[in-house]
Amino acid sequence: MGWEWLLELALLFFAVSAHSAELRIGLSADVTTMDPHFVAAQPNLTAQQHVFDALVQTDAQSRPVPGIATWRTPDPLTWEFTLKKGVRFHDGSELTTEDVVFSLERPFSITGSPGGFQTYVRSIVAKEIVDRYTVRLKTAAPYGALLQDLAEVLIVSKRAAARATGDDFDRGGAAIGTGPFKLARFARGDRIEFTRHDDYWGGRLPWEKLTLLILPSDPVRTAALLAGQVDAIEHVPTADIARLRKSPAFRLEQAVSWRTIFLHVDQGRDRPPGVLSKAGKPLEKNPFRDLRVRRAMSKAINRQAIAERVMEGLAVPAANVLSPSVIGHDPAVKPEPYDPEGARKLLAEAGYPDGFTLTIATPNNRYINDEQIAQTVAQMLARVGIASRVEAMPLSVYFGKARNREFGVALLGWGSRAADLALRSLAATANPDKGYGAWNWGGYSNPKLDQLIAQSLGTVDPARREALAREASALAAREVAFIPLHYQVVTWAMKRNITYTARTDEFTFAHQFRPETK
């Protein structure tokens, strides 16, 4: 099927009014559950935030903004939230502080999660219901990141969810929120169907029906847009952007994402999986525990080439844990220069003059060109003596294996609203009681970094917090706690008569698409 034929067909569909009552969006990753407290994965949150609201919303630049509640801080240990009156759940009942407190406590009751929401509510040591619309949240120490944390925790109906299981949410019985859409059908791996919530507190939406289609294959997602099967798609494949931009039927919206693509390397275990000598035998010690080896791997990677060739210009070489627009990004930290000769020298100094072998694990349907990135990195490592193979798999399989620590080297993408929050999850010493290290697959541990993260998160002065977060970012970079590759540039494509504001957090929200008005 040629592009010319598809473009002609797209123009025919374009002639249909943008004021159609149904919106169809192609998503790039599968949604595993509609239970908003089971796993903190962005594909799930994308779908769930059409049904549920958080106490704190964020704008397109990830800044906290009021939504169903406003807030104030009477003292450094108290956050008082006041609910907007008249906010209705999908069953017609009114949102109250009882629902809020229940929702903030529910993450602790979730079992079997590969990465839950306890981290986001662990700082709250007391909850005081003042009245039907006012609740006070207490922290044991000053905590400046509470607003960012609460933006991740969605509010459910206590009456509907009190004894609900994940299946109850997936079937719709417990999926009762205050969000802009009601869940009509959840067909895992295929589509999610919604109907408009006519009593939505944010105002009546133009879309009576919404369908989120799961289209993890890049060519299939683009073809669906061209053929008029969807009205918009997220994560436009880099190879298709130039052609879509030239078409009069479509518009593109782009932003530098908050998401960093990087490699976790297992520094915690004596024998990380897939890491062997060139003869295929176990190594005497874990090479990743040596900073020289981690730096050698970083020097072996040509980030600019990845950005220009693999990502076709839609990436920025990375050095920090998060991109420049995010709190705590240290502009003084620059990407490791490409230096294969320096990499070989460091490997020899570390006792690996002949290198070794490793396996890079990666999802093949989550991040932009994820498998291609891993394959390119493997080739670059091979040039300095580290023979590398790639093991690619669907995201639904990948996260479970990663949580079971089946990988020695693993590709991951991470976005967050602040660097200290990202480092808390990715590089802090694992401590379930504190909520630290929940995604620290590499087992990195540094007491100094832990201290900086705690100090930054414990600071309510924004300028002081920024300085401490930058210091933590710089330390993680010097120590190569993980190996940053690049920051994504995220792209949406849609019919010309629909508009959308590109978000740095990469979320795709149907309620923020609008028919173009003239």
Protein backbone atom coordinates (compact mmCIF):
# COMPACT_ATOMS: atom_id res chain seq x y z
CA MET A 1 0.00 0.00 0.00
CA GLY A 2 1.76 3.19 -1.17
CA TRP A 3 1.90 6.50 0.63
CA GLU A 4 0.23 8.35 -2.25
CA TRP A 5 -2.89 6.17 -2.11
CA LEU A 6 -3.08 6.47 1.66
CA LEU A 7 -2.74 10.24 1.54
CA GLU A 8 -5.57 10.50 -0.97
CA LEU A 9 -7.72 8.35 1.28
CA ALA A 10 -6.77 10.49 4.28
CA LEU A 11 -7.90 13.63 2.45
CA LEU A 12 -11.29 12.03 1.89
CA PHE A 13 -11.64 11.30 5.59
CA PHE A 14 -10.38 14.78 6.35
CA ALA A 15 -13.41 16.16 4.57
CA VAL A 16 -15.59 14.76 7.35
CA SER A 17 -16.29 17.40 9.97
CA ALA A 18 -13.90 17.58 12.93
CA HIS A 19 -16.97 18.11 15.05
CA SER A 20 -17.74 14.40 14.87
CA ALA A 21 -18.94 13.20 18.24
CA GLU A 22 -16.36 10.40 18.39
CA LEU A 23 -12.60 10.71 18.87
CA ARG A 24 -10.28 7.79 18.11
CA ILE A 25 -6.65 7.88 19.25
CA GLY A 26 -3.90 5.36 18.53
CA LEU A 27 -1.74 4.66 21.58
CA SER A 28 1.80 3.31 21.32
CA ALA A 29 1.80 0.93 24.30
CA ASP A 30 -0.54 -1.57 25.88
CA VAL A 31 -2.60 -0.78 28.98
CA THR A 32 -2.47 -3.64 31.46
CA THR A 33 -5.15 -2.58 33.96
CA MET A 34 -7.69 0.12 34.73
CA ASP A 35 -6.94 -0.13 38.46
CA PRO A 36 -5.27 3.26 39.02
CA HIS A 37 -3.26 2.12 42.06
CA PHE A 38 -1.75 -1.15 40.80
CA VAL A 39 1.34 -0.12 38.82
CA ALA A 40 2.88 3.29 38.21
CA ALA A 41 3.36 2.87 34.45
CA GLN A 42 2.64 5.73 32.08
CA PRO A 43 0.61 3.75 29.50
CA ASN A 44 -1.79 2.75 32.27
CA LEU A 45 -1.96 6.27 33.67
CA THR A 46 -2.69 7.64 30.22
CA ALA A 47 -5.89 5.61 30.02
CA GLN A 48 -6.81 5.90 33.69
CA GLN A 49 -6.65 9.70 33.74
CA HIS A 50 -9.56 9.79 31.35
CA VAL A 51 -11.65 8.21 34.12
CA PHE A 52 -10.08 9.50 37.34
CA ASP A 53 -8.68 12.81 38.60
CA ALA A 54 -5.80 13.53 40.96
CA LEU A 55 -5.86 16.14 43.71
CA VAL A 56 -3.17 18.01 41.79
CA GLN A 57 -3.14 18.42 38.04
CA THR A 58 -0.22 19.52 35.88
CA ASP A 59 -0.08 21.76 32.83
CA ALA A 60 1.69 21.04 29.54
CA GLN A 61 5.04 21.99 31.11
CA SER A 62 4.43 19.69 34.13
CA ARG A 63 3.81 22.55 36.56
CA PRO A 64 1.27 21.83 39.35
CA VAL A 65 -2.10 23.52 38.79
CA PRO A 66 -5.41 23.29 40.68
CA GLY A 67 -8.07 20.91 39.40
CA ILE A 68 -10.55 19.27 41.71
CA ALA A 69 -8.77 20.95 44.63
CA THR A 70 -6.76 23.98 45.67
CA TRP A 71 -4.11 23.92 48.41
CA ARG A 72 -2.14 25.94 50.92
CA THR A 73 0.60 25.22 53.48
CA PRO A 74 -0.32 26.57 56.93
CA ASP A 75 3.04 25.36 58.22
CA PRO A 76 6.02 23.41 56.77
CA LEU A 77 4.52 20.08 57.88
CA THR A 78 0.91 20.66 56.78
CA TRP A 79 -0.73 20.74 53.37
CA GLU A 80 -4.40 21.71 53.36
CA PHE A 81 -6.50 20.79 50.32
CA THR A 82 -9.94 22.20 49.62
CA LEU A 83 -12.13 20.31 47.18
CA LYS A 84 -14.15 22.05 44.53
CA LYS A 85 -17.81 21.72 45.52
CA GLY A 86 -20.18 19.84 43.26
CA VAL A 87 -17.60 17.52 41.66
CA ARG A 88 -19.56 14.39 40.71
CA PHE A 89 -18.50 10.81 40.26
CA HIS A 90 -19.82 8.93 37.25
CA ASP A 91 -22.57 7.39 39.42
CA GLY A 92 -23.82 10.84 40.41
CA SER A 93 -22.45 10.88 43.96
CA GLU A 94 -20.42 13.88 45.10
CA LEU A 95 -16.66 13.74 45.68
CA THR A 96 -15.80 14.23 49.37
CA THR A 97 -12.71 14.08 51.53
CA GLU A 98 -13.68 10.53 52.55
CA ASP A 99 -12.91 9.46 48.97
CA VAL A 100 -9.63 11.37 49.04
CA VAL A 101 -8.38 9.76 52.24
CA PHE A 102 -9.45 6.32 51.05
CA SER A 103 -7.57 6.82 47.77
CA LEU A 104 -4.38 7.94 49.52
CA GLU A 105 -4.48 4.86 51.76
CA ARG A 106 -5.44 2.29 49.13
CA PRO A 107 -1.94 1.93 47.54
CA PHE A 108 -0.74 0.27 50.75
CA SER A 109 -3.33 -2.48 50.34
CA ILE A 110 -2.23 -3.41 46.81
CA THR A 111 -0.26 -6.66 46.56
CA GLY A 112 1.69 -8.19 43.69
CA SER A 113 2.44 -4.90 41.97
CA PRO A 114 5.61 -4.67 39.84
CA GLY A 115 5.91 -1.01 40.82
CA GLY A 116 3.11 0.54 42.82
CA PHE A 117 2.16 3.95 44.20
CA GLN A 118 3.27 3.61 47.81
CA THR A 119 6.28 5.81 47.08
CA TYR A 120 3.97 8.72 46.27
CA VAL A 121 2.01 8.62 49.52
CA ARG A 122 4.60 7.33 51.99
CA SER A 123 5.60 10.84 53.12
CA ILE A 124 2.08 11.45 54.48
CA VAL A 125 2.03 10.44 58.15
CA ALA A 126 -1.44 11.71 59.05
CA LYS A 127 -4.67 12.64 57.30
CA GLU A 128 -7.20 14.91 59.02
CA ILE A 129 -10.66 15.35 57.56
CA VAL A 130 -11.70 18.86 58.56
CA ASP A 131 -15.05 18.73 56.80
CA ARG A 132 -16.69 17.35 53.67
CA TYR A 133 -14.48 19.45 51.42
CA THR A 134 -11.30 20.09 53.44
CA VAL A 135 -8.51 17.66 54.32
CA ARG A 136 -5.14 18.27 55.95
CA LEU A 137 -2.18 16.07 55.13
CA LYS A 138 0.71 15.93 57.58
CA THR A 139 4.33 15.02 56.82
CA ALA A 140 6.91 14.01 59.42
CA ALA A 141 9.39 16.49 57.99
CA PRO A 142 9.21 19.29 55.45
CA TYR A 143 8.62 17.74 52.03
CA GLY A 144 8.72 19.96 48.96
CA ALA A 145 7.71 17.35 46.40
CA LEU A 146 4.28 16.48 47.75
CA LEU A 147 2.41 18.26 44.96
CA GLN A 148 4.35 16.35 42.31
CA ASP A 149 3.71 13.08 44.15
CA LEU A 150 -0.02 13.68 44.50
CA ALA A 151 -0.29 14.43 40.78
CA GLU A 152 0.40 10.71 40.26
CA VAL A 153 -2.25 9.36 42.66
CA LEU A 154 -5.75 9.18 41.24
CA ILE A 155 -8.87 9.52 43.36
CA VAL A 156 -11.41 6.68 43.32
CA SER A 157 -14.87 6.37 44.79
CA LYS A 158 -14.67 4.82 48.24
CA ARG A 159 -18.11 3.33 47.82
CA ALA A 160 -17.24 1.69 44.49
CA ALA A 161 -13.67 0.60 45.27
CA ALA A 162 -13.74 -0.35 48.94
CA ARG A 163 -13.65 -4.09 48.27
CA ALA A 164 -12.81 -4.02 44.58
CA THR A 165 -10.23 -6.16 42.82
CA GLY A 166 -8.29 -5.32 39.70
CA ASP A 167 -10.80 -7.30 37.67
CA ASP A 168 -13.59 -5.15 39.09
CA PHE A 169 -11.86 -2.07 37.69
CA ASP A 170 -11.19 -3.73 34.36
CA ARG A 171 -14.83 -4.77 33.99
CA GLY A 172 -15.92 -1.24 34.87
CA GLY A 173 -17.83 -1.82 38.08
CA ALA A 174 -15.19 -0.15 40.25
CA ALA A 175 -13.93 2.28 37.62
CA ILE A 176 -16.05 5.12 38.96
CA GLY A 177 -14.15 8.39 38.82
CA THR A 178 -14.73 12.11 38.47
CA GLY A 179 -12.84 12.31 35.18
CA PRO A 180 -14.08 13.47 31.78
CA PHE A 181 -15.04 10.03 30.49
CA LYS A 182 -16.79 6.90 31.75
CA LEU A 183 -15.28 3.50 31.06
CA ALA A 184 -17.47 1.52 28.67
CA ARG A 185 -15.23 -1.40 27.70
CA PHE A 186 -11.66 -2.44 28.44
CA ALA A 187 -10.34 -4.95 25.91
CA ARG A 188 -6.75 -5.49 26.95
CA GLY A 189 -4.35 -5.45 24.03
CA ASP A 190 -6.96 -4.11 21.61
CA ARG A 191 -8.92 -1.02 22.68
CA ILE A 192 -10.54 0.93 25.50
CA GLU A 193 -13.91 2.53 24.90
CA PHE A 194 -15.39 5.45 26.85
CA THR A 195 -18.47 7.61 26.87
CA ARG A 196 -18.61 11.26 27.85
CA HIS A 197 -19.19 12.22 31.48
CA ASP A 198 -21.79 14.91 30.94
CA ASP A 199 -21.50 16.20 34.53
CA TYR A 200 -17.72 16.59 34.32
CA TRP A 201 -16.57 19.42 36.57
CA GLY A 202 -14.21 20.71 33.86
CA GLY A 203 -17.03 21.46 31.41
CA ARG A 204 -18.80 19.66 28.62
CA LEU A 205 -16.44 18.06 26.09
CA PRO A 206 -16.97 17.97 22.33
CA TRP A 207 -16.46 14.18 22.18
CA GLU A 208 -19.44 11.99 23.07
CA LYS A 209 -17.42 8.80 22.57
CA LEU A 210 -13.74 8.05 22.87
CA THR A 211 -11.81 5.01 21.71
CA LEU A 212 -8.17 4.46 22.61
CA LEU A 213 -6.77 1.84 20.24
CA ILE A 214 -3.69 -0.11 21.29
CA LEU A 215 -1.33 0.12 18.30
CA PRO A 216 2.21 -0.65 19.51
CA SER A 217 3.49 -1.30 15.98
CA ASP A 218 4.84 1.94 14.53
CA PRO A 219 3.89 1.22 10.88
CA VAL A 220 0.41 0.07 11.90
CA ARG A 221 -0.16 3.19 14.00
CA THR A 222 0.80 5.53 11.15
CA ALA A 223 -1.20 3.52 8.62
CA ALA A 224 -4.27 3.75 10.85
CA LEU A 225 -4.00 7.54 10.83
CA LEU A 226 -3.51 7.69 7.07
CA ALA A 227 -6.45 5.38 6.45
CA GLY A 228 -8.76 7.38 8.71
CA GLN A 229 -9.14 4.59 11.25
CA VAL A 230 -7.99 6.98 13.99
CA ASP A 231 -8.08 10.76 14.32
CA ALA A 232 -4.74 11.13 16.12
CA ILE A 233 -1.72 9.09 17.17
CA GLU A 234 0.98 9.52 19.77
CA HIS A 235 4.71 8.77 19.45
CA VAL A 236 4.82 9.25 15.71
CA PRO A 237 7.57 7.05 14.22
CA THR A 238 10.60 9.12 13.28
CA ALA A 239 10.64 7.68 9.76
CA ASP A 240 7.12 9.03 9.09
CA ILE A 241 7.38 12.57 10.43
CA ALA A 242 8.70 14.30 7.31
CA ARG A 243 6.00 12.76 5.10
CA LEU A 244 3.20 13.56 7.52
CA ARG A 245 4.44 17.13 7.90
CA LYS A 246 4.15 17.66 4.14
CA SER A 247 0.57 16.40 3.99
CA PRO A 248 -2.23 18.99 4.05
CA ALA A 249 -4.44 16.46 5.86
CA PHE A 250 -2.51 16.42 9.11
CA ARG A 251 -0.81 18.56 11.71
CA LEU A 252 2.06 17.65 14.02
CA GLU A 253 2.70 18.86 17.57
CA GLN A 254 6.09 18.34 19.26
CA ALA A 255 7.90 18.98 22.55
CA VAL A 256 11.19 17.98 24.16
CA SER A 257 10.08 15.25 26.50
CA TRP A 258 10.86 14.88 30.18
CA ARG A 259 11.84 11.29 29.39
CA THR A 260 15.43 10.11 29.43
CA ILE A 261 16.37 6.83 27.75
CA PHE A 262 19.19 5.07 29.59
CA LEU A 263 20.79 1.76 30.49
CA HIS A 264 20.63 0.19 33.92
CA VAL A 265 23.70 -1.98 34.59
CA ASP A 266 23.55 -4.50 37.43
CA GLN A 267 26.09 -3.39 40.02
CA GLY A 268 24.45 -5.16 42.93
CA ARG A 269 25.05 -8.85 42.29
CA ASP A 270 28.29 -10.78 42.02
CA ARG A 271 27.24 -12.37 38.73
CA PRO A 272 24.73 -10.32 36.74
CA PRO A 273 22.73 -12.31 34.17
CA GLY A 274 24.14 -12.43 30.66
CA VAL A 275 27.57 -11.08 31.59
CA LEU A 276 30.32 -13.58 30.74
CA SER A 277 33.88 -13.84 29.53
CA LYS A 278 34.59 -14.06 25.81
CA ALA A 279 34.90 -17.82 26.36
CA GLY A 280 31.35 -17.93 27.72
CA LYS A 281 32.39 -18.53 31.32
CA PRO A 282 31.36 -16.57 34.45
CA LEU A 283 33.64 -13.66 35.31
CA GLU A 284 35.53 -13.65 38.61
CA LYS A 285 33.82 -10.43 39.63
CA ASN A 286 31.06 -8.12 38.48
CA PRO A 287 32.70 -5.68 36.02
CA PHE A 288 29.96 -3.08 36.49
CA ARG A 289 31.05 -2.43 40.07
CA ASP A 290 34.15 -0.75 38.65
CA LEU A 291 33.52 2.89 37.76
CA ARG A 292 36.09 2.60 35.00
CA VAL A 293 34.00 -0.05 33.24
CA ARG A 294 30.82 2.02 33.52
CA ARG A 295 32.65 5.04 32.15
CA ALA A 296 34.15 2.95 29.37
CA MET A 297 30.70 1.81 28.31
CA SER A 298 29.50 5.41 28.36
CA LYS A 299 32.47 6.59 26.29
CA ALA A 300 31.84 3.83 23.74
CA ILE A 301 28.37 5.20 22.92
CA ASN A 302 28.07 7.82 20.20
CA ARG A 303 24.99 9.66 21.45
CA GLN A 304 25.01 12.22 18.68
CA ALA A 305 24.92 9.45 16.08
CA ILE A 306 21.97 7.83 17.85
CA ALA A 307 20.15 11.17 17.97
CA GLU A 308 20.80 11.96 14.31
CA ARG A 309 20.56 8.55 12.67
CA VAL A 310 18.46 6.21 14.80
CA MET A 311 16.17 8.95 16.10
CA GLU A 312 16.41 11.02 12.90
CA GLY A 313 17.01 14.23 14.82
CA LEU A 314 14.19 13.68 17.31
CA ALA A 315 16.42 13.26 20.35
CA VAL A 316 18.95 15.25 22.37
CA PRO A 317 22.10 13.55 23.76
CA ALA A 318 21.67 13.11 27.52
CA ALA A 319 23.89 13.56 30.55
CA ASN A 320 21.42 14.28 33.36
CA VAL A 321 18.74 12.01 34.75
CA LEU A 322 16.08 14.30 33.23
CA SER A 323 15.79 16.81 30.41
CA PRO A 324 16.59 20.55 30.63
CA SER A 325 13.03 21.71 31.38
CA VAL A 326 12.78 19.69 34.60
CA ILE A 327 13.57 20.81 38.16
CA GLY A 328 17.08 19.69 39.12
CA HIS A 329 18.61 19.41 35.66
CA ASP A 330 22.24 20.55 35.95
CA PRO A 331 23.29 22.34 32.74
CA ALA A 332 26.96 22.08 33.76
CA VAL A 333 26.83 18.29 33.31
CA LYS A 334 27.56 17.50 29.68
CA PRO A 335 27.09 14.23 27.77
CA GLU A 336 30.08 11.88 27.86
CA PRO A 337 32.09 12.53 24.67
CA TYR A 338 32.31 9.67 22.21
CA ASP A 339 35.80 8.24 22.78
CA PRO A 340 36.23 4.59 21.79
CA GLU A 341 39.99 4.70 22.32
CA GLY A 342 39.49 6.08 25.81
CA ALA A 343 36.93 3.34 26.44
CA ARG A 344 39.41 0.62 25.48
CA LYS A 345 42.03 2.17 27.75
CA LEU A 346 39.67 2.23 30.73
CA LEU A 347 38.65 -1.37 30.13
CA ALA A 348 42.31 -2.41 30.10
CA GLU A 349 42.99 -0.48 33.31
CA ALA A 350 40.04 -2.24 34.94
CA GLY A 351 41.45 -5.66 34.01
CA TYR A 352 39.42 -6.33 30.86
CA PRO A 353 41.86 -5.75 27.97
CA ASP A 354 39.96 -8.31 25.88
CA GLY A 355 36.56 -7.10 27.05
CA PHE A 356 33.70 -9.43 27.93
CA THR A 357 30.21 -10.27 26.72
CA LEU A 358 26.82 -9.01 27.82
CA THR A 359 23.16 -9.05 26.85
CA ILE A 360 21.13 -5.85 26.56
CA ALA A 361 17.47 -6.38 27.38
CA THR A 362 14.95 -3.97 25.89
CA PRO A 363 11.25 -3.59 25.23
CA ASN A 364 10.36 -3.46 21.55
CA ASN A 365 7.07 -1.59 21.79
CA ARG A 366 7.42 1.05 24.52
CA TYR A 367 9.87 3.84 23.64
CA ILE A 368 10.57 5.50 20.31
CA ASN A 369 12.80 3.11 18.32
CA ASP A 370 13.65 1.23 21.50
CA GLU A 371 14.91 -1.99 19.91
CA GLN A 372 16.88 -0.09 17.27
CA ILE A 373 18.53 1.97 19.99
CA ALA A 374 19.59 -1.18 21.85
CA GLN A 375 20.93 -2.75 18.67
CA THR A 376 22.95 0.38 17.89
CA VAL A 377 24.39 0.52 21.40
CA ALA A 378 25.32 -3.16 21.14
CA GLN A 379 27.27 -2.47 17.95
CA MET A 380 29.09 0.45 19.55
CA LEU A 381 30.05 -1.59 22.62
CA ALA A 382 31.30 -4.39 20.38
CA ARG A 383 33.74 -1.96 18.75
CA VAL A 384 35.56 -1.49 22.07
CA GLY A 385 35.65 -5.18 22.92
CA ILE A 386 32.36 -5.69 24.75
CA ALA A 387 30.57 -8.27 22.64
CA SER A 388 26.87 -7.53 23.01
CA ARG A 389 23.65 -9.18 21.96
CA VAL A 390 20.14 -7.78 22.29
CA GLU A 391 17.14 -9.51 23.81
CA ALA A 392 13.98 -7.65 22.81
CA MET A 393 10.44 -8.40 23.97
CA PRO A 394 7.01 -6.80 24.41
CA LEU A 395 6.57 -4.46 27.35
CA SER A 396 4.03 -6.79 28.96
CA VAL A 397 6.77 -9.40 29.29
CA TYR A 398 9.68 -7.03 29.82
CA PHE A 399 8.64 -5.33 33.05
CA GLY A 400 7.89 -8.61 34.78
CA LYS A 401 11.29 -10.04 33.89
CA ALA A 402 13.02 -6.84 34.93
CA ARG A 403 11.28 -6.89 38.31
CA ASN A 404 12.43 -10.49 38.73
CA ARG A 405 15.97 -9.24 38.09
CA GLU A 406 16.48 -11.42 35.04
CA PHE A 407 18.60 -8.80 33.24
CA GLY A 408 22.19 -7.68 33.69
CA VAL A 409 21.85 -4.69 31.36
CA ALA A 410 18.41 -3.21 30.67
CA LEU A 411 17.11 -0.26 28.68
CA LEU A 412 14.59 1.93 30.45
CA GLY A 413 12.93 5.27 29.82
CA TRP A 414 11.98 7.52 32.71
CA GLY A 415 10.13 10.77 33.02
CA SER A 416 9.46 12.68 36.22
CA ARG A 417 8.46 16.11 37.39
CA ALA A 418 11.77 16.69 39.21
CA ALA A 419 15.27 15.18 39.26
CA ASP A 420 15.16 14.33 42.96
CA LEU A 421 11.98 12.34 42.40
CA ALA A 422 13.55 10.47 39.49
CA LEU A 423 16.73 9.69 41.42
CA ARG A 424 14.68 8.52 44.39
CA SER A 425 13.21 5.80 42.17
CA LEU A 426 16.14 5.04 39.87
CA ALA A 427 19.37 5.41 41.85
CA ALA A 428 18.64 5.62 45.57
CA THR A 429 19.59 2.64 47.70
CA ALA A 430 16.61 0.31 47.70
CA ASN A 431 14.58 0.87 50.86
CA PRO A 432 10.92 -0.21 50.61
CA ASP A 433 10.06 1.39 53.96
CA LYS A 434 11.16 4.80 52.65
CA GLY A 435 9.94 4.21 49.12
CA TYR A 436 13.47 4.54 47.73
CA GLY A 437 14.93 2.60 44.81
CA ALA A 438 11.67 1.11 43.53
CA TRP A 439 13.06 1.14 39.96
CA ASN A 440 16.75 0.83 40.81
CA TRP A 441 17.24 -2.26 38.65
CA GLY A 442 21.00 -1.78 38.71
CA GLY A 443 21.32 -2.05 42.48
CA TYR A 444 23.43 1.14 42.64
CA SER A 445 24.03 2.39 46.17
CA ASN A 446 25.75 5.56 47.36
CA PRO A 447 25.03 7.01 50.84
CA LYS A 448 26.05 10.50 49.69
CA LEU A 449 23.50 10.41 46.86
CA ASP A 450 20.83 9.08 49.23
CA GLN A 451 21.56 12.01 51.55
CA LEU A 452 21.32 14.59 48.78
CA ILE A 453 18.03 13.12 47.54
CA ALA A 454 16.58 13.22 51.07
CA GLN A 455 17.77 16.79 51.61
CA SER A 456 16.35 17.97 48.30
CA LEU A 457 12.98 16.31 48.82
CA GLY A 458 12.87 17.66 52.38
CA THR A 459 13.24 21.28 51.27
CA VAL A 460 10.16 23.44 50.75
CA ASP A 461 12.23 26.43 49.54
CA PRO A 462 12.14 26.02 45.72
CA ALA A 463 15.56 27.61 45.11
CA ARG A 464 17.25 25.48 47.76
CA ARG A 465 15.55 22.37 46.47
CA GLU A 466 16.68 23.15 42.91
CA ALA A 467 20.31 23.52 44.06
CA LEU A 468 20.29 20.24 45.99
CA ALA A 469 18.58 18.37 43.15
CA ARG A 470 21.20 19.63 40.72
CA GLU A 471 23.96 18.49 43.05
CA ALA A 472 22.38 15.05 43.22
CA SER A 473 22.07 14.93 39.42
CA ALA A 474 25.74 15.84 39.02
CA LEU A 475 26.83 13.16 41.49
CA ALA A 476 24.78 10.46 39.77
CA ALA A 477 26.36 11.50 36.45
CA ARG A 478 29.93 11.43 37.80
CA GLU A 479 29.34 8.02 39.32
CA VAL A 480 27.59 6.69 36.19
CA ALA A 481 24.84 5.33 38.42
CA PHE A 482 23.22 4.44 35.09
CA ILE A 483 24.19 5.29 31.51
CA PRO A 484 22.07 8.10 29.99
CA LEU A 485 21.55 7.94 26.23
CA HIS A 486 19.18 10.70 25.12
CA TYR A 487 16.12 12.81 25.85
CA GLN A 488 13.20 12.04 23.56
CA VAL A 489 11.45 14.59 21.39
CA VAL A 490 7.83 13.52 21.48
CA THR A 491 5.46 13.97 18.53
CA TRP A 492 1.70 13.72 18.02
CA ALA A 493 0.01 13.62 14.62
CA MET A 494 -3.64 14.39 14.06
CA LYS A 495 -6.14 15.42 11.44
CA ARG A 496 -5.66 19.02 10.38
CA ASN A 497 -8.96 20.14 11.91
CA ILE A 498 -8.07 18.91 15.41
CA THR A 499 -5.69 20.69 17.81
CA TYR A 500 -3.60 19.50 20.75
CA THR A 501 -0.96 21.13 22.95
CA ALA A 502 2.16 18.95 23.11
CA ARG A 503 3.03 17.96 26.67
CA THR A 504 6.55 17.52 28.02
CA ASP A 505 5.27 14.61 30.15
CA GLU A 506 4.20 12.73 26.97
CA PHE A 507 0.66 12.12 28.20
CA THR A 508 -2.07 11.85 25.58
CA PHE A 509 -5.35 13.19 26.94
CA ALA A 510 -8.45 13.09 24.76
CA HIS A 511 -10.09 15.85 26.79
CA GLN A 512 -7.32 18.22 25.67
CA PHE A 513 -7.93 17.61 21.96
CA ARG A 514 -10.22 20.22 20.45
CA PRO A 515 -11.92 20.66 17.09
CA GLU A 516 -10.32 23.61 15.37
CA THR A 517 -12.49 26.70 15.37
CA LYS A 518 -12.23 29.41 12.75
